[in-house]
Amino acid sequence: MSLWDKWEREKLRKKGFRVQEPKDVEIHESYTKPDIRKQVSIVLATLIGCLLLVLMVMLVETLYTGKGWSDTYIVRLFATMQRTRERLAVQNP
């Protein structure tokens, strides 16, 4: 059966006519609604996984390099940003 025949049958069905489907053709909905809970759980699991990976890398770096937490890149970045804010606050009261 061609796509045109399917459209014609669908139009007749919408007009209220009774249309018999051929036995060898199965028509299914092509669009499925997205499952919001599944998508949210995937995003949260990915976020938690990334955070755990970063934490593990920081922990391994601390254990094998002998540097403390204060020597990690992110802690130094936050400390530098805080010092910059404090310096600007003193300059611009």
PDB file of N, CA and C in Angstrom:
ATOM      1  N   MET A   1       0.845  -1.168   0.000  1.00  0.00           N
ATOM      2  CA  MET A   1       0.000   0.000   0.000  1.00  0.00           C
ATOM      3  C   MET A   1       0.896   1.239   0.000  1.00  0.00           C
ATOM      4  N   SER A   2       0.551   2.186  -0.790  1.00  0.00           N
ATOM      5  CA  SER A   2       1.371   3.384  -0.889  1.00  0.00           C
ATOM      6  C   SER A   2       1.016   4.366   0.225  1.00  0.00           C
ATOM      7  N   LEU A   3       1.873   5.319   0.404  1.00  0.00           N
ATOM      8  CA  LEU A   3       1.636   6.355   1.397  1.00  0.00           C
ATOM      9  C   LEU A   3       0.401   7.166   1.040  1.00  0.00           C
ATOM     10  N   TRP A   4       0.180   7.358  -0.253  1.00  0.00           N
ATOM     11  CA  TRP A   4      -0.999   8.100  -0.710  1.00  0.00           C
ATOM     12  C   TRP A   4      -2.283   7.379  -0.280  1.00  0.00           C
ATOM     13  N   ASP A   5      -2.300   6.073  -0.432  1.00  0.00           N
ATOM     14  CA  ASP A   5      -3.470   5.295  -0.012  1.00  0.00           C
ATOM     15  C   ASP A   5      -3.700   5.431   1.491  1.00  0.00           C
ATOM     16  N   LYS A   6      -2.629   5.422   2.256  1.00  0.00           N
ATOM     17  CA  LYS A   6      -2.758   5.578   3.705  1.00  0.00           C
ATOM     18  C   LYS A   6      -3.357   6.937   4.046  1.00  0.00           C
ATOM     19  N   TRP A   7      -2.905   7.986   3.356  1.00  0.00           N
ATOM     20  CA  TRP A   7      -3.439   9.324   3.609  1.00  0.00           C
ATOM     21  C   TRP A   7      -4.920   9.398   3.250  1.00  0.00           C
ATOM     22  N   GLU A   8      -5.264   8.800   2.139  1.00  0.00           N
ATOM     23  CA  GLU A   8      -6.663   8.805   1.719  1.00  0.00           C
ATOM     24  C   GLU A   8      -7.536   8.078   2.744  1.00  0.00           C
ATOM     25  N   ARG A   9      -7.075   6.948   3.225  1.00  0.00           N
ATOM     26  CA  ARG A   9      -7.828   6.213   4.236  1.00  0.00           C
ATOM     27  C   ARG A   9      -7.961   7.037   5.517  1.00  0.00           C
ATOM     28  N   GLU A  10      -6.881   7.727   5.886  1.00  0.00           N
ATOM     29  CA  GLU A  10      -6.916   8.560   7.097  1.00  0.00           C
ATOM     30  C   GLU A  10      -7.904   9.708   6.934  1.00  0.00           C
ATOM     31  N   LYS A  11      -7.961  10.332   5.759  1.00  0.00           N
ATOM     32  CA  LYS A  11      -8.915  11.413   5.514  1.00  0.00           C
ATOM     33  C   LYS A  11     -10.346  10.900   5.612  1.00  0.00           C
ATOM     34  N   LEU A  12     -10.601   9.748   5.027  1.00  0.00           N
ATOM     35  CA  LEU A  12     -11.940   9.173   5.099  1.00  0.00           C
ATOM     36  C   LEU A  12     -12.324   8.838   6.536  1.00  0.00           C
ATOM     37  N   ARG A  13     -11.347   8.324   7.305  1.00  0.00           N
ATOM     38  CA  ARG A  13     -11.605   7.995   8.703  1.00  0.00           C
ATOM     39  C   ARG A  13     -11.938   9.255   9.494  1.00  0.00           C
ATOM     40  N   LYS A  14     -11.240  10.346   9.227  1.00  0.00           N
ATOM     41  CA  LYS A  14     -11.502  11.598   9.928  1.00  0.00           C
ATOM     42  C   LYS A  14     -12.865  12.174   9.573  1.00  0.00           C
ATOM     43  N   LYS A  15     -13.328  11.909   8.360  1.00  0.00           N
ATOM     44  CA  LYS A  15     -14.649  12.387   7.953  1.00  0.00           C
ATOM     45  C   LYS A  15     -15.773  11.544   8.543  1.00  0.00           C
ATOM     46  N   GLY A  16     -15.407  10.420   9.140  1.00  0.00           N
ATOM     47  CA  GLY A  16     -16.402   9.597   9.804  1.00  0.00           C
ATOM     48  C   GLY A  16     -16.755   8.326   9.068  1.00  0.00           C
ATOM     49  N   PHE A  17     -16.139   8.071   7.947  1.00  0.00           N
ATOM     50  CA  PHE A  17     -16.402   6.844   7.205  1.00  0.00           C
ATOM     51  C   PHE A  17     -15.664   5.678   7.844  1.00  0.00           C
ATOM     52  N   ARG A  18     -16.262   4.516   7.751  1.00  0.00           N
ATOM     53  CA  ARG A  18     -15.622   3.316   8.279  1.00  0.00           C
ATOM     54  C   ARG A  18     -14.681   2.761   7.213  1.00  0.00           C
ATOM     55  N   VAL A  19     -13.412   2.635   7.575  1.00  0.00           N
ATOM     56  CA  VAL A  19     -12.389   2.192   6.630  1.00  0.00           C
ATOM     57  C   VAL A  19     -11.769   0.912   7.154  1.00  0.00           C
ATOM     58  N   GLN A  20     -11.698  -0.096   6.306  1.00  0.00           N
ATOM     59  CA  GLN A  20     -11.060  -1.343   6.702  1.00  0.00           C
ATOM     60  C   GLN A  20      -9.576  -1.289   6.356  1.00  0.00           C
ATOM     61  N   GLU A  21      -8.777  -1.705   7.312  1.00  0.00           N
ATOM     62  CA  GLU A  21      -7.336  -1.736   7.098  1.00  0.00           C
ATOM     63  C   GLU A  21      -6.958  -3.079   6.485  1.00  0.00           C
ATOM     64  N   PRO A  22      -6.057  -3.076   5.535  1.00  0.00           N
ATOM     65  CA  PRO A  22      -5.557  -4.355   5.028  1.00  0.00           C
ATOM     66  C   PRO A  22      -4.825  -5.099   6.145  1.00  0.00           C
ATOM     67  N   LYS A  23      -4.865  -6.396   6.131  1.00  0.00           N
ATOM     68  CA  LYS A  23      -4.297  -7.210   7.212  1.00  0.00           C
ATOM     69  C   LYS A  23      -2.774  -7.160   7.267  1.00  0.00           C
ATOM     70  N   ASP A  24      -2.119  -6.869   6.163  1.00  0.00           N
ATOM     71  CA  ASP A  24      -0.663  -6.897   6.151  1.00  0.00           C
ATOM     72  C   ASP A  24      -0.038  -5.558   6.548  1.00  0.00           C
ATOM     73  N   VAL A  25      -0.851  -4.560   6.843  1.00  0.00           N
ATOM     74  CA  VAL A  25      -0.323  -3.236   7.165  1.00  0.00           C
ATOM     75  C   VAL A  25      -0.660  -2.899   8.609  1.00  0.00           C
ATOM     76  N   GLU A  26       0.359  -2.492   9.350  1.00  0.00           N
ATOM     77  CA  GLU A  26       0.148  -2.022  10.719  1.00  0.00           C
ATOM     78  C   GLU A  26       0.555  -0.566  10.783  1.00  0.00           C
ATOM     79  N   ILE A  27      -0.344   0.270  11.268  1.00  0.00           N
ATOM     80  CA  ILE A  27      -0.066   1.706  11.375  1.00  0.00           C
ATOM     81  C   ILE A  27       0.111   2.024  12.858  1.00  0.00           C
ATOM     82  N   HIS A  28       1.253   2.604  13.175  1.00  0.00           N
ATOM     83  CA  HIS A  28       1.564   2.983  14.546  1.00  0.00           C
ATOM     84  C   HIS A  28       1.842   4.476  14.594  1.00  0.00           C
ATOM     85  N   GLU A  29       1.662   5.034  15.781  1.00  0.00           N
ATOM     86  CA  GLU A  29       2.029   6.426  15.979  1.00  0.00           C
ATOM     87  C   GLU A  29       3.542   6.547  15.881  1.00  0.00           C
ATOM     88  N   SER A  30       4.022   7.523  15.159  1.00  0.00           N
ATOM     89  CA  SER A  30       5.466   7.688  15.012  1.00  0.00           C
ATOM     90  C   SER A  30       6.049   8.588  16.094  1.00  0.00           C
ATOM     91  N   TYR A  31       5.213   9.431  16.706  1.00  0.00           N
ATOM     92  CA  TYR A  31       5.704  10.348  17.722  1.00  0.00           C
ATOM     93  C   TYR A  31       5.388   9.792  19.098  1.00  0.00           C
ATOM     94  N   THR A  32       6.387   9.703  19.940  1.00  0.00           N
ATOM     95  CA  THR A  32       6.165   9.300  21.322  1.00  0.00           C
ATOM     96  C   THR A  32       6.492  10.485  22.213  1.00  0.00           C
ATOM     97  N   LYS A  33       5.694  10.653  23.229  1.00  0.00           N
ATOM     98  CA  LYS A  33       5.925  11.767  24.152  1.00  0.00           C
ATOM     99  C   LYS A  33       7.227  11.537  24.910  1.00  0.00           C
ATOM    100  N   PRO A  34       7.998  12.595  25.118  1.00  0.00           N
ATOM    101  CA  PRO A  34       9.236  12.431  25.889  1.00  0.00           C
ATOM    102  C   PRO A  34       8.909  12.173  27.357  1.00  0.00           C
ATOM    103  N   ASP A  35       9.677  11.311  27.967  1.00  0.00           N
ATOM    104  CA  ASP A  35       9.507  11.003  29.383  1.00  0.00           C
ATOM    105  C   ASP A  35      10.382  11.978  30.178  1.00  0.00           C
ATOM    106  N   ILE A  36       9.728  12.970  30.772  1.00  0.00           N
ATOM    107  CA  ILE A  36      10.452  14.038  31.472  1.00  0.00           C
ATOM    108  C   ILE A  36      11.236  13.471  32.657  1.00  0.00           C
ATOM    109  N   ARG A  37      10.636  12.565  33.396  1.00  0.00           N
ATOM    110  CA  ARG A  37      11.344  12.000  34.561  1.00  0.00           C
ATOM    111  C   ARG A  37      12.618  11.270  34.134  1.00  0.00           C
ATOM    112  N   LYS A  38      12.536  10.544  33.043  1.00  0.00           N
ATOM    113  CA  LYS A  38      13.707   9.821  32.556  1.00  0.00           C
ATOM    114  C   LYS A  38      14.793  10.800  32.118  1.00  0.00           C
ATOM    115  N   GLN A  39      14.401  11.871  31.420  1.00  0.00           N
ATOM    116  CA  GLN A  39      15.378  12.857  30.973  1.00  0.00           C
ATOM    117  C   GLN A  39      16.021  13.571  32.146  1.00  0.00           C
ATOM    118  N   VAL A  40      15.218  13.929  33.162  1.00  0.00           N
ATOM    119  CA  VAL A  40      15.762  14.612  34.339  1.00  0.00           C
ATOM    120  C   VAL A  40      16.711  13.677  35.087  1.00  0.00           C
ATOM    121  N   SER A  41      16.338  12.407  35.207  1.00  0.00           N
ATOM    122  CA  SER A  41      17.217  11.478  35.914  1.00  0.00           C
ATOM    123  C   SER A  41      18.528  11.267  35.160  1.00  0.00           C
ATOM    124  N   ILE A  42      18.484  11.260  33.838  1.00  0.00           N
ATOM    125  CA  ILE A  42      19.712  11.119  33.054  1.00  0.00           C
ATOM    126  C   ILE A  42      20.611  12.335  33.254  1.00  0.00           C
ATOM    127  N   VAL A  43      20.025  13.533  33.230  1.00  0.00           N
ATOM    128  CA  VAL A  43      20.814  14.751  33.417  1.00  0.00           C
ATOM    129  C   VAL A  43      21.426  14.790  34.817  1.00  0.00           C
ATOM    130  N   LEU A  44      20.628  14.452  35.842  1.00  0.00           N
ATOM    131  CA  LEU A  44      21.149  14.462  37.211  1.00  0.00           C
ATOM    132  C   LEU A  44      22.237  13.407  37.404  1.00  0.00           C
ATOM    133  N   ALA A  45      22.029  12.224  36.837  1.00  0.00           N
ATOM    134  CA  ALA A  45      23.048  11.181  36.956  1.00  0.00           C
ATOM    135  C   ALA A  45      24.347  11.604  36.270  1.00  0.00           C
ATOM    136  N   THR A  46      24.232  12.254  35.125  1.00  0.00           N
ATOM    137  CA  THR A  46      25.421  12.734  34.417  1.00  0.00           C
ATOM    138  C   THR A  46      26.134  13.806  35.229  1.00  0.00           C
ATOM    139  N   LEU A  47      25.373  14.731  35.798  1.00  0.00           N
ATOM    140  CA  LEU A  47      25.965  15.788  36.610  1.00  0.00           C
ATOM    141  C   LEU A  47      26.673  15.217  37.835  1.00  0.00           C
ATOM    142  N   ILE A  48      26.014  14.302  38.531  1.00  0.00           N
ATOM    143  CA  ILE A  48      26.629  13.687  39.712  1.00  0.00           C
ATOM    144  C   ILE A  48      27.868  12.890  39.311  1.00  0.00           C
ATOM    145  N   GLY A  49      27.795  12.185  38.192  1.00  0.00           N
ATOM    146  CA  GLY A  49      28.953  11.430  37.712  1.00  0.00           C
ATOM    147  C   GLY A  49      30.138  12.334  37.413  1.00  0.00           C
ATOM    148  N   CYS A  50      29.873  13.470  36.774  1.00  0.00           N
ATOM    149  CA  CYS A  50      30.956  14.413  36.468  1.00  0.00           C
ATOM    150  C   CYS A  50      31.572  14.977  37.750  1.00  0.00           C
ATOM    151  N   LEU A  51      30.722  15.330  38.702  1.00  0.00           N
ATOM    152  CA  LEU A  51      31.244  15.862  39.967  1.00  0.00           C
ATOM    153  C   LEU A  51      32.073  14.814  40.711  1.00  0.00           C
ATOM    154  N   LEU A  52      31.597  13.572  40.706  1.00  0.00           N
ATOM    155  CA  LEU A  52      32.376  12.511  41.355  1.00  0.00           C
ATOM    156  C   LEU A  52      33.701  12.273  40.646  1.00  0.00           C
ATOM    157  N   LEU A  53      33.698  12.358  39.333  1.00  0.00           N
ATOM    158  CA  LEU A  53      34.936  12.186  38.577  1.00  0.00           C
ATOM    159  C   LEU A  53      35.940  13.285  38.916  1.00  0.00           C
ATOM    160  N   VAL A  54      35.478  14.519  38.990  1.00  0.00           N
ATOM    161  CA  VAL A  54      36.363  15.631  39.348  1.00  0.00           C
ATOM    162  C   VAL A  54      36.896  15.448  40.763  1.00  0.00           C
ATOM    163  N   LEU A  55      36.022  15.045  41.676  1.00  0.00           N
ATOM    164  CA  LEU A  55      36.460  14.821  43.054  1.00  0.00           C
ATOM    165  C   LEU A  55      37.502  13.708  43.126  1.00  0.00           C
ATOM    166  N   MET A  56      37.294  12.639  42.381  1.00  0.00           N
ATOM    167  CA  MET A  56      38.260  11.543  42.379  1.00  0.00           C
ATOM    168  C   MET A  56      39.599  11.980  41.799  1.00  0.00           C
ATOM    169  N   VAL A  57      39.573  12.769  40.735  1.00  0.00           N
ATOM    170  CA  VAL A  57      40.818  13.258  40.146  1.00  0.00           C
ATOM    171  C   VAL A  57      41.557  14.148  41.138  1.00  0.00           C
ATOM    172  N   MET A  58      40.812  15.016  41.835  1.00  0.00           N
ATOM    173  CA  MET A  58      41.444  15.883  42.828  1.00  0.00           C
ATOM    174  C   MET A  58      42.035  15.050  43.974  1.00  0.00           C
ATOM    175  N   LEU A  59      41.321  14.006  44.378  1.00  0.00           N
ATOM    176  CA  LEU A  59      41.808  13.156  45.460  1.00  0.00           C
ATOM    177  C   LEU A  59      43.065  12.396  45.042  1.00  0.00           C
ATOM    178  N   VAL A  60      43.066  11.842  43.839  1.00  0.00           N
ATOM    179  CA  VAL A  60      44.244  11.115  43.344  1.00  0.00           C
ATOM    180  C   VAL A  60      45.428  12.067  43.207  1.00  0.00           C
ATOM    181  N   GLU A  61      45.164  13.271  42.710  1.00  0.00           N
ATOM    182  CA  GLU A  61      46.249  14.250  42.588  1.00  0.00           C
ATOM    183  C   GLU A  61      46.827  14.593  43.953  1.00  0.00           C
ATOM    184  N   THR A  62      45.967  14.745  44.944  1.00  0.00           N
ATOM    185  CA  THR A  62      46.426  15.061  46.293  1.00  0.00           C
ATOM    186  C   THR A  62      47.237  13.909  46.876  1.00  0.00           C
ATOM    187  N   LEU A  63      46.789  12.677  46.641  1.00  0.00           N
ATOM    188  CA  LEU A  63      47.495  11.523  47.205  1.00  0.00           C
ATOM    189  C   LEU A  63      48.854  11.296  46.552  1.00  0.00           C
ATOM    190  N   TYR A  64      48.940  11.440  45.239  1.00  0.00           N
ATOM    191  CA  TYR A  64      50.175  11.086  44.535  1.00  0.00           C
ATOM    192  C   TYR A  64      51.166  12.228  44.377  1.00  0.00           C
ATOM    193  N   THR A  65      50.710  13.458  44.417  1.00  0.00           N
ATOM    194  CA  THR A  65      51.656  14.565  44.266  1.00  0.00           C
ATOM    195  C   THR A  65      52.088  15.143  45.603  1.00  0.00           C
ATOM    196  N   GLY A  66      51.343  14.834  46.641  1.00  0.00           N
ATOM    197  CA  GLY A  66      51.719  15.336  47.960  1.00  0.00           C
ATOM    198  C   GLY A  66      51.253  16.755  48.201  1.00  0.00           C
ATOM    199  N   LYS A  67      50.619  17.352  47.221  1.00  0.00           N
ATOM    200  CA  LYS A  67      50.097  18.697  47.413  1.00  0.00           C
ATOM    201  C   LYS A  67      48.820  18.634  48.228  1.00  0.00           C
ATOM    202  N   GLY A  68      48.557  19.675  48.984  1.00  0.00           N
ATOM    203  CA  GLY A  68      47.322  19.734  49.757  1.00  0.00           C
ATOM    204  C   GLY A  68      46.166  20.237  48.905  1.00  0.00           C
ATOM    205  N   TRP A  69      44.985  20.247  49.502  1.00  0.00           N
ATOM    206  CA  TRP A  69      43.810  20.724  48.776  1.00  0.00           C
ATOM    207  C   TRP A  69      43.965  22.176  48.352  1.00  0.00           C
ATOM    208  N   SER A  70      44.710  22.936  49.149  1.00  0.00           N
ATOM    209  CA  SER A  70      44.851  24.359  48.831  1.00  0.00           C
ATOM    210  C   SER A  70      45.736  24.601  47.607  1.00  0.00           C
ATOM    211  N   ASP A  71      46.457  23.585  47.162  1.00  0.00           N
ATOM    212  CA  ASP A  71      47.322  23.727  45.999  1.00  0.00           C
ATOM    213  C   ASP A  71      46.636  23.327  44.694  1.00  0.00           C
ATOM    214  N   THR A  72      45.398  22.849  44.762  1.00  0.00           N
ATOM    215  CA  THR A  72      44.703  22.454  43.540  1.00  0.00           C
ATOM    216  C   THR A  72      44.309  23.696  42.756  1.00  0.00           C
ATOM    217  N   TYR A  73      44.137  23.509  41.477  1.00  0.00           N
ATOM    218  CA  TYR A  73      43.861  24.631  40.572  1.00  0.00           C
ATOM    219  C   TYR A  73      42.594  25.377  40.961  1.00  0.00           C
ATOM    220  N   ILE A  74      41.522  24.661  41.236  1.00  0.00           N
ATOM    221  CA  ILE A  74      40.240  25.314  41.492  1.00  0.00           C
ATOM    222  C   ILE A  74      40.270  26.101  42.798  1.00  0.00           C
ATOM    223  N   VAL A  75      40.950  25.577  43.812  1.00  0.00           N
ATOM    224  CA  VAL A  75      41.039  26.282  45.088  1.00  0.00           C
ATOM    225  C   VAL A  75      41.885  27.537  44.926  1.00  0.00           C
ATOM    226  N   ARG A  76      42.983  27.432  44.172  1.00  0.00           N
ATOM    227  CA  ARG A  76      43.807  28.623  43.918  1.00  0.00           C
ATOM    228  C   ARG A  76      43.020  29.669  43.135  1.00  0.00           C
ATOM    229  N   LEU A  77      42.200  29.219  42.175  1.00  0.00           N
ATOM    230  CA  LEU A  77      41.388  30.140  41.394  1.00  0.00           C
ATOM    231  C   LEU A  77      40.386  30.876  42.280  1.00  0.00           C
ATOM    232  N   PHE A  78      39.697  30.133  43.155  1.00  0.00           N
ATOM    233  CA  PHE A  78      38.734  30.770  44.061  1.00  0.00           C
ATOM    234  C   PHE A  78      39.422  31.727  45.026  1.00  0.00           C
ATOM    235  N   ALA A  79      40.583  31.344  45.520  1.00  0.00           N
ATOM    236  CA  ALA A  79      41.315  32.209  46.453  1.00  0.00           C
ATOM    237  C   ALA A  79      41.755  33.495  45.754  1.00  0.00           C
ATOM    238  N   THR A  80      42.223  33.385  44.518  1.00  0.00           N
ATOM    239  CA  THR A  80      42.627  34.569  43.755  1.00  0.00           C
ATOM    240  C   THR A  80      41.429  35.478  43.493  1.00  0.00           C
ATOM    241  N   MET A  81      40.308  34.894  43.147  1.00  0.00           N
ATOM    242  CA  MET A  81      39.097  35.701  42.907  1.00  0.00           C
ATOM    243  C   MET A  81      38.667  36.423  44.187  1.00  0.00           C
ATOM    244  N   GLN A  82      38.742  35.718  45.328  1.00  0.00           N
ATOM    245  CA  GLN A  82      38.353  36.337  46.595  1.00  0.00           C
ATOM    246  C   GLN A  82      39.304  37.473  46.953  1.00  0.00           C
ATOM    247  N   ARG A  83      40.615  37.272  46.752  1.00  0.00           N
ATOM    248  CA  ARG A  83      41.568  38.353  47.037  1.00  0.00           C
ATOM    249  C   ARG A  83      41.312  39.561  46.140  1.00  0.00           C
ATOM    250  N   THR A  84      40.988  39.306  44.881  1.00  0.00           N
ATOM    251  CA  THR A  84      40.689  40.401  43.952  1.00  0.00           C
ATOM    252  C   THR A  84      39.451  41.164  44.414  1.00  0.00           C
ATOM    253  N   ARG A  85      38.421  40.452  44.842  1.00  0.00           N
ATOM    254  CA  ARG A  85      37.210  41.115  45.353  1.00  0.00           C
ATOM    255  C   ARG A  85      37.514  41.955  46.585  1.00  0.00           C
ATOM    256  N   GLU A  86      38.314  41.400  47.491  1.00  0.00           N
ATOM    257  CA  GLU A  86      38.662  42.142  48.715  1.00  0.00           C
ATOM    258  C   GLU A  86      39.461  43.393  48.380  1.00  0.00           C
ATOM    259  N   ARG A  87      40.380  43.264  47.429  1.00  0.00           N
ATOM    260  CA  ARG A  87      41.194  44.431  47.047  1.00  0.00           C
ATOM    261  C   ARG A  87      40.312  45.508  46.410  1.00  0.00           C
ATOM    262  N   LEU A  88      39.389  45.112  45.570  1.00  0.00           N
ATOM    263  CA  LEU A  88      38.497  46.076  44.930  1.00  0.00           C
ATOM    264  C   LEU A  88      37.549  46.710  45.943  1.00  0.00           C
ATOM    265  N   ALA A  89      37.129  45.946  46.952  1.00  0.00           N
ATOM    266  CA  ALA A  89      36.235  46.486  47.971  1.00  0.00           C
ATOM    267  C   ALA A  89      36.936  47.549  48.809  1.00  0.00           C
ATOM    268  N   VAL A  90      38.225  47.348  49.061  1.00  0.00           N
ATOM    269  CA  VAL A  90      38.993  48.337  49.826  1.00  0.00           C
ATOM    270  C   VAL A  90      39.206  49.597  48.984  1.00  0.00           C
ATOM    271  N   GLN A  91      39.455  49.439  47.689  1.00  0.00           N
ATOM    272  CA  GLN A  91      39.701  50.586  46.817  1.00  0.00           C
ATOM    273  C   GLN A  91      38.436  51.391  46.554  1.00  0.00           C
ATOM    274  N   ASN A  92      37.303  50.729  46.470  1.00  0.00           N
ATOM    275  CA  ASN A  92      36.025  51.392  46.157  1.00  0.00           C
ATOM    276  C   ASN A  92      35.030  51.202  47.301  1.00  0.00           C
ATOM    277  N   PRO A  93      35.151  52.014  48.343  1.00  0.00           N
ATOM    278  CA  PRO A  93      34.267  51.825  49.509  1.00  0.00           C
ATOM    279  C   PRO A  93      32.846  52.208  49.255  1.00  0.00           C
TER     280      PRO A  93
END
